[in-house]
């Protein structure tokens, strides 16, 4: 299942390309909307963070499928050097939906706001 996901959404024409195309499509509306819930600069920062997050998650999944990254919590705890470093990515950069549930660290995700991806 994950291999099929990687085949469909990994690589240059995958998920990151979809994000870029979506950004291009909606950016003019975000920029001109007087009722938007973030600045245009925050929107751009959020898109960049989302691209980096998705790319790192895809790398992590691929590594786990190939066996270069342990796929269990125990294996990851004993071999944290093999994990994908996501310490430069901040979930808060992806937005907080004005306190409506976004912008928090999802369970099981190390690396967001300082650590490594699983």
PDB file of N, CA and C in Angstrom:
ATOM      1  N   UNK A   1       0.813  -1.185   0.000  1.00  0.00           N
ATOM      2  CA  UNK A   1       0.000   0.000   0.000  1.00  0.00           C
ATOM      3  C   UNK A   1       0.868   1.266   0.000  1.00  0.00           C
ATOM      4  N   UNK A   2       1.869   1.315   0.903  1.00  0.00           N
ATOM      5  CA  UNK A   2       2.735   2.485   0.944  1.00  0.00           C
ATOM      6  C   UNK A   2       3.603   2.577  -0.309  1.00  0.00           C
ATOM      7  N   UNK A   3       4.009   1.434  -0.836  1.00  0.00           N
ATOM      8  CA  UNK A   3       4.794   1.447  -2.070  1.00  0.00           C
ATOM      9  C   UNK A   3       3.979   2.056  -3.205  1.00  0.00           C
ATOM     10  N   UNK A   4       2.717   1.720  -3.292  1.00  0.00           N
ATOM     11  CA  UNK A   4       1.848   2.285  -4.320  1.00  0.00           C
ATOM     12  C   UNK A   4       1.692   3.791  -4.115  1.00  0.00           C
ATOM     13  N   UNK A   5       1.545   4.203  -2.860  1.00  0.00           N
ATOM     14  CA  UNK A   5       1.450   5.626  -2.536  1.00  0.00           C
ATOM     15  C   UNK A   5       2.716   6.356  -2.998  1.00  0.00           C
ATOM     16  N   UNK A   6       3.884   5.777  -2.698  1.00  0.00           N
ATOM     17  CA  UNK A   6       5.142   6.390  -3.103  1.00  0.00           C
ATOM     18  C   UNK A   6       5.283   6.463  -4.618  1.00  0.00           C
ATOM     19  N   UNK A   7       4.833   5.422  -5.291  1.00  0.00           N
ATOM     20  CA  UNK A   7       4.895   5.430  -6.755  1.00  0.00           C
ATOM     21  C   UNK A   7       4.024   6.532  -7.335  1.00  0.00           C
ATOM     22  N   UNK A   8       2.881   6.764  -6.706  1.00  0.00           N
ATOM     23  CA  UNK A   8       1.960   7.775  -7.218  1.00  0.00           C
ATOM     24  C   UNK A   8       2.349   9.186  -6.806  1.00  0.00           C
ATOM     25  N   UNK A   9       2.820   9.370  -5.572  1.00  0.00           N
ATOM     26  CA  UNK A   9       3.035  10.721  -5.043  1.00  0.00           C
ATOM     27  C   UNK A   9       4.489  11.095  -4.797  1.00  0.00           C
ATOM     28  N   UNK A  10       5.423  10.150  -4.936  1.00  0.00           N
ATOM     29  CA  UNK A  10       6.832  10.460  -4.742  1.00  0.00           C
ATOM     30  C   UNK A  10       7.441  11.052  -5.989  1.00  0.00           C
ATOM     31  N   UNK A  11       8.696  11.401  -5.909  1.00  0.00           N
ATOM     32  CA  UNK A  11       9.420  11.903  -7.080  1.00  0.00           C
ATOM     33  C   UNK A  11       9.063  13.330  -7.455  1.00  0.00           C
ATOM     34  N   UNK A  12       9.669  13.784  -8.533  1.00  0.00           N
ATOM     35  CA  UNK A  12       9.522  15.171  -8.979  1.00  0.00           C
ATOM     36  C   UNK A  12       8.092  15.538  -9.360  1.00  0.00           C
ATOM     37  N   UNK A  13       7.332  14.618  -9.885  1.00  0.00           N
ATOM     38  CA  UNK A  13       5.981  14.926 -10.350  1.00  0.00           C
ATOM     39  C   UNK A  13       4.910  14.477  -9.367  1.00  0.00           C
ATOM     40  N   UNK A  14       5.277  14.268  -8.144  1.00  0.00           N
ATOM     41  CA  UNK A  14       4.350  13.747  -7.158  1.00  0.00           C
ATOM     42  C   UNK A  14       3.693  14.816  -6.312  1.00  0.00           C
ATOM     43  N   UNK A  15       3.683  14.556  -5.024  1.00  0.00           N
ATOM     44  CA  UNK A  15       2.971  15.394  -4.073  1.00  0.00           C
ATOM     45  C   UNK A  15       3.493  16.825  -4.043  1.00  0.00           C
ATOM     46  N   UNK A  16       4.798  16.984  -4.078  1.00  0.00           N
ATOM     47  CA  UNK A  16       5.358  18.344  -4.059  1.00  0.00           C
ATOM     48  C   UNK A  16       4.965  19.126  -5.308  1.00  0.00           C
ATOM     49  N   UNK A  17       4.867  18.452  -6.444  1.00  0.00           N
ATOM     50  CA  UNK A  17       4.403  19.102  -7.668  1.00  0.00           C
ATOM     51  C   UNK A  17       2.938  19.512  -7.527  1.00  0.00           C
ATOM     52  N   UNK A  18       2.138  18.654  -6.920  1.00  0.00           N
ATOM     53  CA  UNK A  18       0.730  18.975  -6.684  1.00  0.00           C
ATOM     54  C   UNK A  18       0.595  20.190  -5.775  1.00  0.00           C
ATOM     55  N   UNK A  19       1.419  20.259  -4.746  1.00  0.00           N
ATOM     56  CA  UNK A  19       1.403  21.415  -3.845  1.00  0.00           C
ATOM     57  C   UNK A  19       1.777  22.672  -4.614  1.00  0.00           C
ATOM     58  N   UNK A  20       2.823  22.604  -5.433  1.00  0.00           N
ATOM     59  CA  UNK A  20       3.259  23.768  -6.216  1.00  0.00           C
ATOM     60  C   UNK A  20       2.170  24.228  -7.182  1.00  0.00           C
ATOM     61  N   UNK A  21       1.521  23.285  -7.842  1.00  0.00           N
ATOM     62  CA  UNK A  21       0.439  23.630  -8.773  1.00  0.00           C
ATOM     63  C   UNK A  21      -0.744  24.256  -8.033  1.00  0.00           C
ATOM     64  N   UNK A  22      -1.055  23.721  -6.876  1.00  0.00           N
ATOM     65  CA  UNK A  22      -2.164  24.268  -6.085  1.00  0.00           C
ATOM     66  C   UNK A  22      -1.829  25.667  -5.600  1.00  0.00           C
ATOM     67  N   UNK A  23      -0.595  25.869  -5.155  1.00  0.00           N
ATOM     68  CA  UNK A  23      -0.165  27.197  -4.721  1.00  0.00           C
ATOM     69  C   UNK A  23      -0.316  28.195  -5.865  1.00  0.00           C
ATOM     70  N   UNK A  24       0.159  27.816  -7.042  1.00  0.00           N
ATOM     71  CA  UNK A  24       0.071  28.704  -8.202  1.00  0.00           C
ATOM     72  C   UNK A  24      -1.376  29.059  -8.519  1.00  0.00           C
ATOM     73  N   UNK A  25      -2.254  28.091  -8.350  1.00  0.00           N
ATOM     74  CA  UNK A  25      -3.663  28.296  -8.672  1.00  0.00           C
ATOM     75  C   UNK A  25      -4.348  29.231  -7.664  1.00  0.00           C
ATOM     76  N   UNK A  26      -4.039  29.076  -6.375  1.00  0.00           N
ATOM     77  CA  UNK A  26      -4.782  29.853  -5.373  1.00  0.00           C
ATOM     78  C   UNK A  26      -4.060  31.099  -4.869  1.00  0.00           C
ATOM     79  N   UNK A  27      -2.757  31.225  -5.138  1.00  0.00           N
ATOM     80  CA  UNK A  27      -1.975  32.350  -4.618  1.00  0.00           C
ATOM     81  C   UNK A  27      -2.576  33.721  -4.947  1.00  0.00           C
ATOM     82  N   UNK A  28      -3.026  33.970  -6.180  1.00  0.00           N
ATOM     83  CA  UNK A  28      -3.595  35.289  -6.466  1.00  0.00           C
ATOM     84  C   UNK A  28      -4.829  35.605  -5.606  1.00  0.00           C
ATOM     85  N   UNK A  29      -5.602  34.590  -5.292  1.00  0.00           N
ATOM     86  CA  UNK A  29      -6.795  34.786  -4.466  1.00  0.00           C
ATOM     87  C   UNK A  29      -6.412  35.050  -3.015  1.00  0.00           C
ATOM     88  N   UNK A  30      -5.409  34.338  -2.532  1.00  0.00           N
ATOM     89  CA  UNK A  30      -4.935  34.564  -1.162  1.00  0.00           C
ATOM     90  C   UNK A  30      -4.389  35.976  -1.044  1.00  0.00           C
ATOM     91  N   UNK A  31      -3.614  36.378  -2.033  1.00  0.00           N
ATOM     92  CA  UNK A  31      -2.987  37.697  -1.998  1.00  0.00           C
ATOM     93  C   UNK A  31      -4.014  38.831  -2.021  1.00  0.00           C
ATOM     94  N   UNK A  32      -5.080  38.666  -2.759  1.00  0.00           N
ATOM     95  CA  UNK A  32      -6.045  39.760  -2.917  1.00  0.00           C
ATOM     96  C   UNK A  32      -7.240  39.699  -1.967  1.00  0.00           C
ATOM     97  N   UNK A  33      -7.378  38.637  -1.194  1.00  0.00           N
ATOM     98  CA  UNK A  33      -8.537  38.469  -0.310  1.00  0.00           C
ATOM     99  C   UNK A  33      -8.404  39.337   0.939  1.00  0.00           C
ATOM    100  N   UNK A  34      -9.269  40.346   1.101  1.00  0.00           N
ATOM    101  CA  UNK A  34      -9.182  41.202   2.286  1.00  0.00           C
ATOM    102  C   UNK A  34      -9.632  40.483   3.572  1.00  0.00           C
ATOM    103  N   UNK A  35     -10.284  39.332   3.438  1.00  0.00           N
ATOM    104  CA  UNK A  35     -10.759  38.607   4.626  1.00  0.00           C
ATOM    105  C   UNK A  35      -9.887  37.389   4.957  1.00  0.00           C
ATOM    106  N   UNK A  36      -8.741  37.246   4.288  1.00  0.00           N
ATOM    107  CA  UNK A  36      -7.885  36.072   4.541  1.00  0.00           C
ATOM    108  C   UNK A  36      -7.483  36.022   6.007  1.00  0.00           C
ATOM    109  N   UNK A  37      -7.184  34.813   6.483  1.00  0.00           N
ATOM    110  CA  UNK A  37      -6.848  34.649   7.895  1.00  0.00           C
ATOM    111  C   UNK A  37      -5.341  34.642   8.152  1.00  0.00           C
ATOM    112  N   UNK A  38      -4.546  34.927   7.124  1.00  0.00           N
ATOM    113  CA  UNK A  38      -3.095  35.050   7.305  1.00  0.00           C
ATOM    114  C   UNK A  38      -2.574  36.027   6.257  1.00  0.00           C
ATOM    115  N   UNK A  39      -1.358  36.501   6.468  1.00  0.00           N
ATOM    116  CA  UNK A  39      -0.748  37.376   5.472  1.00  0.00           C
ATOM    117  C   UNK A  39      -0.292  36.521   4.285  1.00  0.00           C
ATOM    118  N   UNK A  40      -0.017  37.164   3.176  1.00  0.00           N
ATOM    119  CA  UNK A  40       0.463  36.435   2.018  1.00  0.00           C
ATOM    120  C   UNK A  40       1.828  35.811   2.320  1.00  0.00           C
ATOM    121  N   UNK A  41       2.654  36.520   3.087  1.00  0.00           N
ATOM    122  CA  UNK A  41       3.965  35.989   3.464  1.00  0.00           C
ATOM    123  C   UNK A  41       3.807  34.730   4.325  1.00  0.00           C
ATOM    124  N   UNK A  42       2.830  34.726   5.227  1.00  0.00           N
ATOM    125  CA  UNK A  42       2.565  33.543   6.043  1.00  0.00           C
ATOM    126  C   UNK A  42       2.076  32.384   5.173  1.00  0.00           C
ATOM    127  N   UNK A  43       1.268  32.701   4.177  1.00  0.00           N
ATOM    128  CA  UNK A  43       0.807  31.686   3.224  1.00  0.00           C
ATOM    129  C   UNK A  43       1.995  31.046   2.518  1.00  0.00           C
ATOM    130  N   UNK A  44       2.912  31.877   1.996  1.00  0.00           N
ATOM    131  CA  UNK A  44       4.088  31.361   1.307  1.00  0.00           C
ATOM    132  C   UNK A  44       4.961  30.522   2.243  1.00  0.00           C
ATOM    133  N   UNK A  45       5.141  30.993   3.474  1.00  0.00           N
ATOM    134  CA  UNK A  45       5.918  30.254   4.465  1.00  0.00           C
ATOM    135  C   UNK A  45       5.258  28.913   4.768  1.00  0.00           C
ATOM    136  N   UNK A  46       3.936  28.908   4.853  1.00  0.00           N
ATOM    137  CA  UNK A  46       3.195  27.675   5.099  1.00  0.00           C
ATOM    138  C   UNK A  46       3.332  26.678   3.963  1.00  0.00           C
ATOM    139  N   UNK A  47       3.275  27.154   2.743  1.00  0.00           N
ATOM    140  CA  UNK A  47       3.426  26.273   1.580  1.00  0.00           C
ATOM    141  C   UNK A  47       4.826  25.658   1.573  1.00  0.00           C
ATOM    142  N   UNK A  48       5.830  26.466   1.845  1.00  0.00           N
ATOM    143  CA  UNK A  48       7.205  25.960   1.897  1.00  0.00           C
ATOM    144  C   UNK A  48       7.339  24.895   2.979  1.00  0.00           C
ATOM    145  N   UNK A  49       6.796  25.150   4.151  1.00  0.00           N
ATOM    146  CA  UNK A  49       6.856  24.180   5.250  1.00  0.00           C
ATOM    147  C   UNK A  49       6.120  22.893   4.880  1.00  0.00           C
ATOM    148  N   UNK A  50       4.982  23.017   4.225  1.00  0.00           N
ATOM    149  CA  UNK A  50       4.221  21.839   3.805  1.00  0.00           C
ATOM    150  C   UNK A  50       5.007  21.018   2.786  1.00  0.00           C
ATOM    151  N   UNK A  51       5.646  21.692   1.830  1.00  0.00           N
ATOM    152  CA  UNK A  51       6.470  20.990   0.835  1.00  0.00           C
ATOM    153  C   UNK A  51       7.617  20.239   1.510  1.00  0.00           C
ATOM    154  N   UNK A  52       8.296  20.903   2.451  1.00  0.00           N
ATOM    155  CA  UNK A  52       9.414  20.273   3.151  1.00  0.00           C
ATOM    156  C   UNK A  52       8.931  19.092   3.996  1.00  0.00           C
ATOM    157  N   UNK A  53       7.802  19.273   4.668  1.00  0.00           N
ATOM    158  CA  UNK A  53       7.222  18.206   5.491  1.00  0.00           C
ATOM    159  C   UNK A  53       6.880  16.987   4.634  1.00  0.00           C
ATOM    160  N   UNK A  54       6.173  17.213   3.542  1.00  0.00           N
ATOM    161  CA  UNK A  54       5.760  16.101   2.669  1.00  0.00           C
ATOM    162  C   UNK A  54       6.964  15.403   2.060  1.00  0.00           C
ATOM    163  N   UNK A  55       7.954  16.157   1.633  1.00  0.00           N
ATOM    164  CA  UNK A  55       9.156  15.572   1.057  1.00  0.00           C
ATOM    165  C   UNK A  55       9.873  14.694   2.082  1.00  0.00           C
ATOM    166  N   UNK A  56       9.996  15.190   3.311  1.00  0.00           N
ATOM    167  CA  UNK A  56      10.664  14.418   4.356  1.00  0.00           C
ATOM    168  C   UNK A  56       9.865  13.170   4.719  1.00  0.00           C
ATOM    169  N   UNK A  57       8.550  13.284   4.758  1.00  0.00           N
ATOM    170  CA  UNK A  57       7.716  12.113   5.073  1.00  0.00           C
ATOM    171  C   UNK A  57       7.836  11.065   3.971  1.00  0.00           C
ATOM    172  N   UNK A  58       7.853  11.500   2.725  1.00  0.00           N
ATOM    173  CA  UNK A  58       8.031  10.564   1.611  1.00  0.00           C
ATOM    174  C   UNK A  58       9.391   9.872   1.709  1.00  0.00           C
ATOM    175  N   UNK A  59      10.442  10.635   2.039  1.00  0.00           N
ATOM    176  CA  UNK A  59      11.773  10.038   2.212  1.00  0.00           C
ATOM    177  C   UNK A  59      11.772   9.023   3.348  1.00  0.00           C
ATOM    178  N   UNK A  60      11.076   9.353   4.430  1.00  0.00           N
ATOM    179  CA  UNK A  60      10.997   8.444   5.575  1.00  0.00           C
ATOM    180  C   UNK A  60      10.268   7.156   5.205  1.00  0.00           C
ATOM    181  N   UNK A  61       9.142   7.274   4.517  1.00  0.00           N
ATOM    182  CA  UNK A  61       8.399   6.080   4.100  1.00  0.00           C
ATOM    183  C   UNK A  61       9.243   5.211   3.175  1.00  0.00           C
ATOM    184  N   UNK A  62       9.912   5.846   2.232  1.00  0.00           N
ATOM    185  CA  UNK A  62      10.738   5.094   1.293  1.00  0.00           C
ATOM    186  C   UNK A  62      11.860   4.367   2.035  1.00  0.00           C
ATOM    187  N   UNK A  63      12.503   5.060   2.970  1.00  0.00           N
ATOM    188  CA  UNK A  63      13.568   4.437   3.746  1.00  0.00           C
ATOM    189  C   UNK A  63      13.083   3.266   4.582  1.00  0.00           C
ATOM    190  N   UNK A  64      11.886   3.400   5.141  1.00  0.00           N
ATOM    191  CA  UNK A  64      11.333   2.301   5.930  1.00  0.00           C
ATOM    192  C   UNK A  64      11.004   1.101   5.042  1.00  0.00           C
ATOM    193  N   UNK A  65      10.468   1.368   3.853  1.00  0.00           N
ATOM    194  CA  UNK A  65      10.162   0.272   2.933  1.00  0.00           C
ATOM    195  C   UNK A  65      11.417  -0.408   2.415  1.00  0.00           C
ATOM    196  N   UNK A  66      12.487   0.369   2.226  1.00  0.00           N
ATOM    197  CA  UNK A  66      13.745  -0.196   1.726  1.00  0.00           C
ATOM    198  C   UNK A  66      14.576  -0.837   2.835  1.00  0.00           C
ATOM    199  N   UNK A  67      14.195  -0.586   4.075  1.00  0.00           N
ATOM    200  CA  UNK A  67      14.923  -1.160   5.201  1.00  0.00           C
ATOM    201  C   UNK A  67      16.101  -0.341   5.683  1.00  0.00           C
ATOM    202  N   UNK A  68      16.283   0.877   5.166  1.00  0.00           N
ATOM    203  CA  UNK A  68      17.380   1.727   5.624  1.00  0.00           C
ATOM    204  C   UNK A  68      16.999   2.540   6.854  1.00  0.00           C
ATOM    205  N   UNK A  69      15.705   2.601   7.144  1.00  0.00           N
ATOM    206  CA  UNK A  69      15.192   3.266   8.335  1.00  0.00           C
ATOM    207  C   UNK A  69      14.332   2.242   9.067  1.00  0.00           C
ATOM    208  N   UNK A  70      14.578   2.035  10.366  1.00  0.00           N
ATOM    209  CA  UNK A  70      13.744   1.086  11.104  1.00  0.00           C
ATOM    210  C   UNK A  70      12.275   1.508  11.067  1.00  0.00           C
ATOM    211  N   UNK A  71      11.379   0.535  11.008  1.00  0.00           N
ATOM    212  CA  UNK A  71       9.955   0.848  10.895  1.00  0.00           C
ATOM    213  C   UNK A  71       9.193   0.650  12.198  1.00  0.00           C
ATOM    214  N   UNK A  72       9.891   0.295  13.279  1.00  0.00           N
ATOM    215  CA  UNK A  72       9.228   0.152  14.576  1.00  0.00           C
ATOM    216  C   UNK A  72       9.752   1.208  15.533  1.00  0.00           C
ATOM    217  N   UNK A  73       8.965   1.516  16.536  1.00  0.00           N
ATOM    218  CA  UNK A  73       9.395   2.487  17.553  1.00  0.00           C
ATOM    219  C   UNK A  73      10.677   2.031  18.233  1.00  0.00           C
ATOM    220  N   UNK A  74      10.754   0.735  18.527  1.00  0.00           N
ATOM    221  CA  UNK A  74      11.945   0.205  19.187  1.00  0.00           C
ATOM    222  C   UNK A  74      13.178   0.361  18.300  1.00  0.00           C
ATOM    223  N   UNK A  75      13.031   0.016  17.024  1.00  0.00           N
ATOM    224  CA  UNK A  75      14.147   0.143  16.089  1.00  0.00           C
ATOM    225  C   UNK A  75      14.575   1.581  15.901  1.00  0.00           C
ATOM    226  N   UNK A  76      13.618   2.472  15.853  1.00  0.00           N
ATOM    227  CA  UNK A  76      13.935   3.884  15.673  1.00  0.00           C
ATOM    228  C   UNK A  76      14.600   4.460  16.913  1.00  0.00           C
ATOM    229  N   UNK A  77      14.180   3.995  18.094  1.00  0.00           N
ATOM    230  CA  UNK A  77      14.802   4.453  19.331  1.00  0.00           C
ATOM    231  C   UNK A  77      16.258   4.009  19.411  1.00  0.00           C
ATOM    232  N   UNK A  78      16.540   2.799  18.923  1.00  0.00           N
ATOM    233  CA  UNK A  78      17.908   2.285  19.006  1.00  0.00           C
ATOM    234  C   UNK A  78      18.777   2.742  17.836  1.00  0.00           C
ATOM    235  N   UNK A  79      18.194   3.265  16.771  1.00  0.00           N
ATOM    236  CA  UNK A  79      18.952   3.706  15.596  1.00  0.00           C
ATOM    237  C   UNK A  79      18.431   5.051  15.110  1.00  0.00           C
ATOM    238  N   UNK A  80      18.476   6.053  15.972  1.00  0.00           N
ATOM    239  CA  UNK A  80      17.925   7.365  15.610  1.00  0.00           C
ATOM    240  C   UNK A  80      18.751   8.077  14.544  1.00  0.00           C
ATOM    241  N   UNK A  81      19.992   7.646  14.329  1.00  0.00           N
ATOM    242  CA  UNK A  81      20.836   8.265  13.299  1.00  0.00           C
ATOM    243  C   UNK A  81      20.284   8.050  11.898  1.00  0.00           C
ATOM    244  N   UNK A  82      19.506   6.991  11.698  1.00  0.00           N
ATOM    245  CA  UNK A  82      18.993   6.694  10.362  1.00  0.00           C
ATOM    246  C   UNK A  82      17.712   7.470  10.036  1.00  0.00           C
ATOM    247  N   UNK A  83      17.135   8.137  11.030  1.00  0.00           N
ATOM    248  CA  UNK A  83      15.882   8.849  10.813  1.00  0.00           C
ATOM    249  C   UNK A  83      16.100  10.108   9.975  1.00  0.00           C
ATOM    250  N   UNK A  84      15.048  10.548   9.320  1.00  0.00           N
ATOM    251  CA  UNK A  84      15.092  11.770   8.516  1.00  0.00           C
ATOM    252  C   UNK A  84      15.000  12.972   9.458  1.00  0.00           C
ATOM    253  N   UNK A  85      15.939  13.886   9.338  1.00  0.00           N
ATOM    254  CA  UNK A  85      15.973  15.062  10.207  1.00  0.00           C
ATOM    255  C   UNK A  85      14.910  16.062   9.753  1.00  0.00           C
ATOM    256  N   UNK A  86      13.994  16.342  10.633  1.00  0.00           N
ATOM    257  CA  UNK A  86      12.952  17.320  10.343  1.00  0.00           C
ATOM    258  C   UNK A  86      12.991  18.487  11.304  1.00  0.00           C
ATOM    259  N   UNK A  87      14.134  18.677  11.964  1.00  0.00           N
ATOM    260  CA  UNK A  87      14.227  19.698  13.003  1.00  0.00           C
ATOM    261  C   UNK A  87      14.084  21.120  12.463  1.00  0.00           C
ATOM    262  N   UNK A  88      14.265  21.302  11.173  1.00  0.00           N
ATOM    263  CA  UNK A  88      14.159  22.637  10.581  1.00  0.00           C
ATOM    264  C   UNK A  88      12.709  22.992  10.210  1.00  0.00           C
ATOM    265  N   UNK A  89      11.793  22.040  10.347  1.00  0.00           N
ATOM    266  CA  UNK A  89      10.401  22.267   9.962  1.00  0.00           C
ATOM    267  C   UNK A  89       9.570  22.567  11.202  1.00  0.00           C
ATOM    268  N   UNK A  90       8.798  23.626  11.137  1.00  0.00           N
ATOM    269  CA  UNK A  90       7.933  24.009  12.247  1.00  0.00           C
ATOM    270  C   UNK A  90       6.474  23.867  11.826  1.00  0.00           C
ATOM    271  N   UNK A  91       5.731  23.078  12.571  1.00  0.00           N
ATOM    272  CA  UNK A  91       4.312  22.905  12.270  1.00  0.00           C
ATOM    273  C   UNK A  91       3.585  24.238  12.319  1.00  0.00           C
ATOM    274  N   UNK A  92       3.984  25.099  13.228  1.00  0.00           N
ATOM    275  CA  UNK A  92       3.291  26.383  13.340  1.00  0.00           C
ATOM    276  C   UNK A  92       3.412  27.206  12.065  1.00  0.00           C
ATOM    277  N   UNK A  93       4.447  26.965  11.255  1.00  0.00           N
ATOM    278  CA  UNK A  93       4.578  27.666   9.970  1.00  0.00           C
ATOM    279  C   UNK A  93       3.469  27.260   9.002  1.00  0.00           C
ATOM    280  N   UNK A  94       2.870  26.090   9.225  1.00  0.00           N
ATOM    281  CA  UNK A  94       1.792  25.627   8.349  1.00  0.00           C
ATOM    282  C   UNK A  94       0.450  26.210   8.741  1.00  0.00           C
ATOM    283  N   UNK A  95       0.424  27.013   9.789  1.00  0.00           N
ATOM    284  CA  UNK A  95      -0.799  27.706  10.169  1.00  0.00           C
ATOM    285  C   UNK A  95      -1.505  27.078  11.336  1.00  0.00           C
ATOM    286  N   UNK A  96      -2.345  27.860  11.956  1.00  0.00           N
ATOM    287  CA  UNK A  96      -3.063  27.409  13.125  1.00  0.00           C
ATOM    288  C   UNK A  96      -4.565  27.461  12.974  1.00  0.00           C
ATOM    289  N   UNK A  97      -5.065  27.844  11.833  1.00  0.00           N
ATOM    290  CA  UNK A  97      -6.511  27.920  11.582  1.00  0.00           C
ATOM    291  C   UNK A  97      -7.209  28.748  12.663  1.00  0.00           C
ATOM    292  N   UNK A  98      -6.542  29.812  13.100  1.00  0.00           N
ATOM    293  CA  UNK A  98      -7.108  30.704  14.112  1.00  0.00           C
ATOM    294  C   UNK A  98      -7.577  29.959  15.346  1.00  0.00           C
ATOM    295  N   UNK A  99      -6.764  29.025  15.813  1.00  0.00           N
ATOM    296  CA  UNK A  99      -7.083  28.284  17.022  1.00  0.00           C
ATOM    297  C   UNK A  99      -8.104  27.190  16.828  1.00  0.00           C
ATOM    298  N   UNK A 100      -8.356  26.783  15.587  1.00  0.00           N
ATOM    299  CA  UNK A 100      -9.397  25.797  15.327  1.00  0.00           C
ATOM    300  C   UNK A 100      -8.824  24.414  15.077  1.00  0.00           C
ATOM    301  N   UNK A 101      -7.700  24.084  15.711  1.00  0.00           N
ATOM    302  CA  UNK A 101      -7.201  22.725  15.644  1.00  0.00           C
ATOM    303  C   UNK A 101      -5.949  22.526  14.834  1.00  0.00           C
ATOM    304  N   UNK A 102      -5.518  23.469  14.036  1.00  0.00           N
ATOM    305  CA  UNK A 102      -4.306  23.299  13.260  1.00  0.00           C
ATOM    306  C   UNK A 102      -3.095  23.766  14.035  1.00  0.00           C
ATOM    307  N   UNK A 103      -1.921  23.537  13.469  1.00  0.00           N
ATOM    308  CA  UNK A 103      -0.700  24.065  14.046  1.00  0.00           C
ATOM    309  C   UNK A 103      -0.189  23.340  15.265  1.00  0.00           C
ATOM    310  N   UNK A 104      -0.632  22.133  15.517  1.00  0.00           N
ATOM    311  CA  UNK A 104      -0.112  21.383  16.653  1.00  0.00           C
ATOM    312  C   UNK A 104       0.685  20.187  16.152  1.00  0.00           C
ATOM    313  N   UNK A 105       1.455  19.616  17.038  1.00  0.00           N
ATOM    314  CA  UNK A 105       2.293  18.482  16.666  1.00  0.00           C
ATOM    315  C   UNK A 105       1.478  17.209  16.734  1.00  0.00           C
ATOM    316  N   UNK A 106       1.231  16.548  15.595  1.00  0.00           N
ATOM    317  CA  UNK A 106       0.440  15.327  15.608  1.00  0.00           C
ATOM    318  C   UNK A 106       1.172  14.207  16.327  1.00  0.00           C
ATOM    319  N   UNK A 107       0.444  13.337  16.991  1.00  0.00           N
ATOM    320  CA  UNK A 107       1.041  12.232  17.724  1.00  0.00           C
ATOM    321  C   UNK A 107       1.900  11.359  16.831  1.00  0.00           C
ATOM    322  N   UNK A 108       2.999  10.887  17.372  1.00  0.00           N
ATOM    323  CA  UNK A 108       3.874   9.990  16.640  1.00  0.00           C
ATOM    324  C   UNK A 108       4.803  10.661  15.656  1.00  0.00           C
ATOM    325  N   UNK A 109       4.789  11.968  15.610  1.00  0.00           N
ATOM    326  CA  UNK A 109       5.625  12.677  14.642  1.00  0.00           C
ATOM    327  C   UNK A 109       6.781  13.341  15.370  1.00  0.00           C
ATOM    328  N   UNK A 110       7.903  12.684  15.379  1.00  0.00           N
ATOM    329  CA  UNK A 110       9.091  13.329  15.906  1.00  0.00           C
ATOM    330  C   UNK A 110       9.667  14.183  14.800  1.00  0.00           C
ATOM    331  N   UNK A 111      10.326  15.227  15.176  1.00  0.00           N
ATOM    332  CA  UNK A 111      10.997  16.055  14.194  1.00  0.00           C
ATOM    333  C   UNK A 111      10.288  17.364  13.955  1.00  0.00           C
ATOM    334  N   UNK A 112       9.010  17.394  14.158  1.00  0.00           N
ATOM    335  CA  UNK A 112       8.312  18.648  13.973  1.00  0.00           C
ATOM    336  C   UNK A 112       8.639  19.517  15.172  1.00  0.00           C
ATOM    337  N   UNK A 113       9.162  20.697  14.898  1.00  0.00           N
ATOM    338  CA  UNK A 113       9.585  21.624  15.932  1.00  0.00           C
ATOM    339  C   UNK A 113      10.723  21.046  16.772  1.00  0.00           C
ATOM    340  N   UNK A 114      11.589  20.257  16.119  1.00  0.00           N
ATOM    341  CA  UNK A 114      12.823  19.839  16.758  1.00  0.00           C
ATOM    342  C   UNK A 114      12.959  18.351  17.009  1.00  0.00           C
ATOM    343  N   UNK A 115      13.474  17.600  16.071  1.00  0.00           N
ATOM    344  CA  UNK A 115      13.695  16.169  16.269  1.00  0.00           C
ATOM    345  C   UNK A 115      13.893  15.457  14.962  1.00  0.00           C
ATOM    346  N   UNK A 116      13.357  14.251  14.842  1.00  0.00           N
ATOM    347  CA  UNK A 116      13.496  13.430  13.627  1.00  0.00           C
ATOM    348  C   UNK A 116      12.159  12.837  13.232  1.00  0.00           C
ATOM    349  N   UNK A 117      12.005  12.600  11.947  1.00  0.00           N
ATOM    350  CA  UNK A 117      10.791  11.946  11.461  1.00  0.00           C
ATOM    351  C   UNK A 117      10.881  10.464  11.711  1.00  0.00           C
ATOM    352  N   UNK A 118       9.750   9.861  11.908  1.00  0.00           N
ATOM    353  CA  UNK A 118       9.669   8.416  12.021  1.00  0.00           C
ATOM    354  C   UNK A 118       9.246   7.874  10.704  1.00  0.00           C
TER     355      UNK A 118
END
